[in-house]
Protein backbone atom coordinates (compact mmCIF):
# COMPACT_ATOMS: atom_id res chain seq x y z
CA MET A 1 251.17 121.36 269.40
CA LYS A 2 249.23 120.60 265.78
CA THR A 3 246.33 121.49 267.37
CA ASP A 4 245.08 124.32 269.39
CA PRO A 5 244.00 122.73 273.03
CA GLU A 6 241.28 124.44 273.78
CA THR A 7 239.33 124.58 270.42
CA PHE A 8 239.72 120.79 270.20
CA ILE A 9 238.43 120.36 273.93
CA ARG A 10 235.41 122.50 273.23
CA ALA A 11 234.67 120.61 269.95
CA ASN A 12 235.51 117.28 271.17
CA THR A 13 233.58 117.30 274.94
CA SER A 14 230.79 118.20 276.31
CA LEU A 15 230.19 119.55 279.70
CA LEU A 16 228.57 117.02 282.15
CA ALA A 17 227.98 116.92 285.80
CA LEU A 18 229.51 114.08 287.28
CA PRO A 19 227.54 111.38 288.67
CA HIS A 20 228.99 110.72 291.94
CA VAL A 21 230.24 114.63 291.99
CA PRO A 22 227.37 116.33 290.62
CA GLU A 23 228.64 119.59 292.31
CA ILE A 24 231.11 119.71 289.80
CA ARG A 25 230.70 120.17 285.81
CA LEU A 26 233.46 118.98 283.40
CA TYR A 27 234.34 118.76 279.82
CA LEU A 28 234.54 115.45 278.73
CA ALA A 29 233.84 112.90 276.44
CA SER A 30 231.51 110.64 276.05
CA GLU A 31 230.75 107.67 273.69
CA ALA A 32 229.06 110.00 271.06
CA HIS A 33 232.23 111.97 270.64
CA GLU A 34 234.91 110.80 268.05
CA LEU A 35 237.40 110.81 270.64
CA TRP A 36 236.51 107.81 271.97
CA LEU A 37 237.07 106.30 268.68
CA LYS A 38 240.13 107.81 267.84
CA THR A 39 243.30 105.59 267.72
CA GLU A 40 247.03 106.21 269.05
CA GLU A 41 248.11 106.76 266.06
CA GLU A 42 245.21 109.43 265.18
CA LEU A 43 246.23 111.08 268.46
CA GLU A 44 249.59 111.28 267.66
CA ALA A 45 248.59 112.35 264.43
CA ILE A 46 247.03 115.24 265.54
CA GLY A 47 249.38 116.01 268.52
CA LEU A 48 247.89 114.72 271.36
CA PRO A 49 248.76 112.69 274.22
CA PRO A 50 246.05 110.11 275.97
CA PRO A 51 243.69 112.28 276.65
CA PHE A 52 243.36 111.26 280.78
CA TRP A 53 241.64 114.45 281.36
CA ALA A 54 239.06 114.19 279.06
CA PHE A 55 237.73 111.32 281.74
CA ALA A 56 236.49 111.44 284.92
CA TRP A 57 238.43 108.09 286.72
CA ALA A 58 236.54 106.38 289.41
CA GLY A 59 239.83 107.11 291.86
CA GLY A 60 239.33 110.90 291.12
CA GLN A 61 235.66 110.70 291.90
CA GLY A 62 235.89 108.46 294.78
CA LEU A 63 238.77 111.45 296.18
CA ALA A 64 236.60 114.70 295.14
CA ARG A 65 233.75 113.32 296.77
CA TYR A 66 235.68 112.25 300.28
CA VAL A 67 236.93 116.37 300.18
CA LEU A 68 233.65 117.58 299.82
CA ASP A 69 232.14 115.41 302.30
CA ARG A 70 235.09 116.43 304.30
CA ARG A 71 235.91 119.94 304.25
CA GLU A 72 237.97 119.62 306.98
CA THR A 73 240.35 117.62 305.03
CA VAL A 74 241.63 120.94 302.81
CA LYS A 75 240.08 123.49 304.49
CA GLY A 76 242.41 126.67 304.71
CA MET A 77 245.42 124.34 303.19
CA ARG A 78 247.63 124.56 300.65
CA VAL A 79 246.73 121.64 298.25
CA LEU A 80 248.30 119.77 295.82
CA ASP A 81 246.13 117.99 293.41
CA PHE A 82 249.01 115.99 291.56
CA ALA A 83 248.59 113.94 288.15
CA SER A 84 245.69 116.17 288.05
CA GLY A 85 244.13 115.47 284.56
CA SER A 86 240.94 117.31 284.58
CA GLY A 87 241.20 119.21 287.61
CA LEU A 88 238.43 117.41 289.17
CA VAL A 89 240.21 116.80 292.67
CA GLY A 90 241.60 119.89 292.72
CA ILE A 91 238.32 122.02 292.03
CA ALA A 92 236.51 119.79 294.90
CA ALA A 93 239.17 121.03 297.21
CA SER A 94 239.00 124.46 296.23
CA LYS A 95 234.94 124.16 296.82
CA ALA A 96 235.77 122.71 300.24
CA GLY A 97 238.07 125.59 301.33
CA ALA A 98 241.24 125.00 300.71
CA ALA A 99 243.62 128.16 301.12
CA ARG A 100 245.31 127.19 297.56
CA VAL A 101 245.11 124.87 295.08
CA THR A 102 248.23 123.93 292.55
CA ALA A 103 247.04 121.27 289.75
CA ALA A 104 250.28 119.11 288.64
CA ASP A 105 250.45 117.20 285.31
CA ILE A 106 252.85 116.54 282.84
CA ASP A 107 250.41 116.71 280.25
CA PRO A 108 250.42 119.97 278.32
CA TRP A 109 246.71 119.50 277.60
CA SER A 110 246.27 118.95 281.05
CA GLN A 111 246.99 122.85 281.45
CA THR A 112 244.21 124.03 279.21
CA ALA A 113 241.36 121.15 280.48
CA VAL A 114 242.24 122.33 284.44
CA ARG A 115 241.75 126.21 283.38
CA LEU A 116 238.22 125.81 281.39
CA ASN A 117 236.54 123.20 284.08
CA ALA A 118 237.96 125.57 286.81
CA ALA A 119 236.11 128.31 284.92
CA VAL A 120 233.05 126.38 284.98
CA ASN A 121 232.95 125.69 288.57
CA SER A 122 233.51 129.15 289.58
CA VAL A 123 237.38 128.60 291.11
CA SER A 124 240.68 129.11 290.80
CA LEU A 125 243.63 126.76 290.05
CA ASP A 126 246.85 127.08 290.13
CA PHE A 127 248.84 124.89 287.74
CA THR A 128 252.24 123.56 287.00
CA GLY A 129 253.37 121.07 284.26
CA ALA A 130 257.02 119.89 285.96
CA ASP A 131 257.80 116.29 287.20
CA LEU A 132 257.49 116.93 290.85
CA ILE A 133 258.36 113.11 291.99
CA ALA A 134 260.73 113.23 294.30
CA GLN A 135 260.77 116.87 294.53
CA ASN A 136 259.95 119.29 297.57
CA VAL A 137 256.58 120.81 297.30
CA ASP A 138 254.74 123.82 299.32
CA SER A 139 251.31 122.24 299.95
CA ASP A 140 250.30 121.20 302.79
CA VAL A 141 248.05 118.31 301.60
CA VAL A 142 248.84 116.38 298.89
CA LEU A 143 245.88 114.62 296.26
CA ALA A 144 245.74 111.49 293.93
CA GLY A 145 243.77 109.87 292.40
CA ASP A 146 244.19 106.57 290.03
CA VAL A 147 247.98 107.25 290.06
CA PHE A 148 248.87 103.00 290.77
CA TYR A 149 247.98 101.61 287.54
CA ASP A 150 251.55 101.04 286.21
CA LYS A 151 254.48 99.50 288.29
CA SER A 152 257.21 101.71 287.25
CA PHE A 153 255.21 104.25 288.31
CA ALA A 154 254.07 103.08 291.50
CA GLU A 155 257.96 102.39 292.27
CA ALA A 156 258.73 106.16 292.06
CA LEU A 157 255.59 107.34 293.91
CA ILE A 158 255.83 105.52 297.06
CA PRO A 159 258.94 106.68 298.07
CA TRP A 160 257.91 109.86 297.17
CA PHE A 161 254.72 110.21 299.44
CA GLU A 162 256.49 108.69 302.21
CA THR A 163 258.81 111.23 302.14
CA LEU A 164 256.13 113.96 302.24
CA VAL A 165 254.30 112.17 305.11
CA ALA A 166 257.24 112.20 307.16
CA GLU A 167 257.55 115.96 306.33
CA GLY A 168 254.25 116.12 308.06
CA LYS A 169 252.32 116.62 304.65
CA ASP A 170 248.83 114.56 304.27
CA VAL A 171 248.90 112.39 301.10
CA LEU A 172 245.49 110.96 300.36
CA VAL A 173 245.07 108.72 297.28
CA GLY A 174 241.39 107.48 295.45
CA ASP A 175 241.94 104.00 294.12
CA PRO A 176 239.44 101.67 292.37
CA GLY A 177 241.57 98.35 293.04
CA ARG A 178 244.49 99.13 290.56
CA ALA A 179 247.25 96.52 290.24
CA TYR A 180 250.26 98.45 291.91
CA LEU A 181 248.51 99.87 294.96
CA PRO A 182 250.51 99.75 298.56
CA LYS A 183 247.82 98.79 300.64
CA ASP A 184 250.67 97.77 303.39
CA ARG A 185 251.44 101.58 303.72
CA LEU A 186 247.70 102.84 303.78
CA GLU A 187 245.21 103.60 305.97
CA PHE A 188 241.76 103.48 304.88
CA CYS A 189 239.46 106.53 305.13
CA ALA A 190 236.14 105.96 302.92
CA VAL A 191 235.09 103.69 300.43
CA TYR A 192 232.40 104.50 297.76
CA GLU A 193 230.62 102.93 294.99
CA VAL A 194 231.16 105.09 292.02
CA PRO A 195 229.50 105.23 288.47
CA VAL A 196 231.71 104.63 286.23
CA THR A 197 231.64 104.31 282.08
CA ARG A 198 231.88 100.76 280.93
CA ALA A 199 233.88 101.64 278.24
CA LEU A 200 237.01 102.71 280.60
CA GLU A 201 236.70 100.60 283.41
CA ASP A 202 235.00 97.26 281.70
CA SER A 203 232.12 97.81 284.56
CA GLU A 204 229.43 100.23 285.34
CA VAL A 205 229.96 100.81 288.55
CA LYS A 206 233.65 100.61 290.90
CA LYS A 207 234.17 100.10 294.26
CA THR A 208 236.26 103.10 294.72
CA THR A 209 238.66 103.50 298.01
CA VAL A 210 240.13 106.54 299.57
CA TRP A 211 243.24 105.77 301.59
CA ARG A 212 245.71 108.03 303.58
CA PHE A 213 249.60 107.13 303.63
CA ARG A 214 250.51 106.41 306.95
CA PRO A 215 253.65 107.32 308.74
CA GLN A 216 256.17 104.56 308.73
CA GLY A 217 255.78 102.85 312.14
CA ARG A 218 251.86 103.55 312.49
CA MET A 219 249.59 100.13 311.68
CA THR A 220 247.74 99.95 309.21
CA GLN A 221 243.98 99.97 309.45
CA THR A 222 242.55 97.20 307.41
CA LEU A 223 239.35 96.90 305.47
CA ALA A 224 237.18 93.58 305.21
CA SER A 225 237.00 92.91 301.40
């Protein structure tokens, strides 16, 4: 890496409580930080991939809220926080009593962000930078926030998540209406109005739903829009 991740994160973010999950604080960028203004070329010049870990996305906030309000979802379980980013959802799972939480993200900067954010919230998370798609995972529950934004990524995730469910794992996703969300394969769990940053979402509040991947053959519970 051209830039030390911890030094950069501490210099370009602030420790903020989340509006929808005030129990958790994260190192996040705000409009006041230059990180918002950096172009893709500038990020590449300093060796920084797109800093998804620097923002609290709506799906992750909704999923974190769900886990904290329904602790039985993860209590005593082995949890995988897939595409972890900042570690928000994994931190929520740990606070809710998960036996073990592994944050997974292929962005190497996420590892540092997760470590710093976990320490601030007095929890401990394992981390893996491996590409887990289509792999076996040693977890009882898989949590994934904001993962259905890209067509090819969604096409890879859906059969993997279905395989995990067939193996008896619980797969929960938090989503604010991303384009490639496979609603026909999901069961409704909860819906939230999540405050977000307009520069990210072109909105100040996003209706965010938590869904559970259903076993094949089970009827989908629908939600009136």
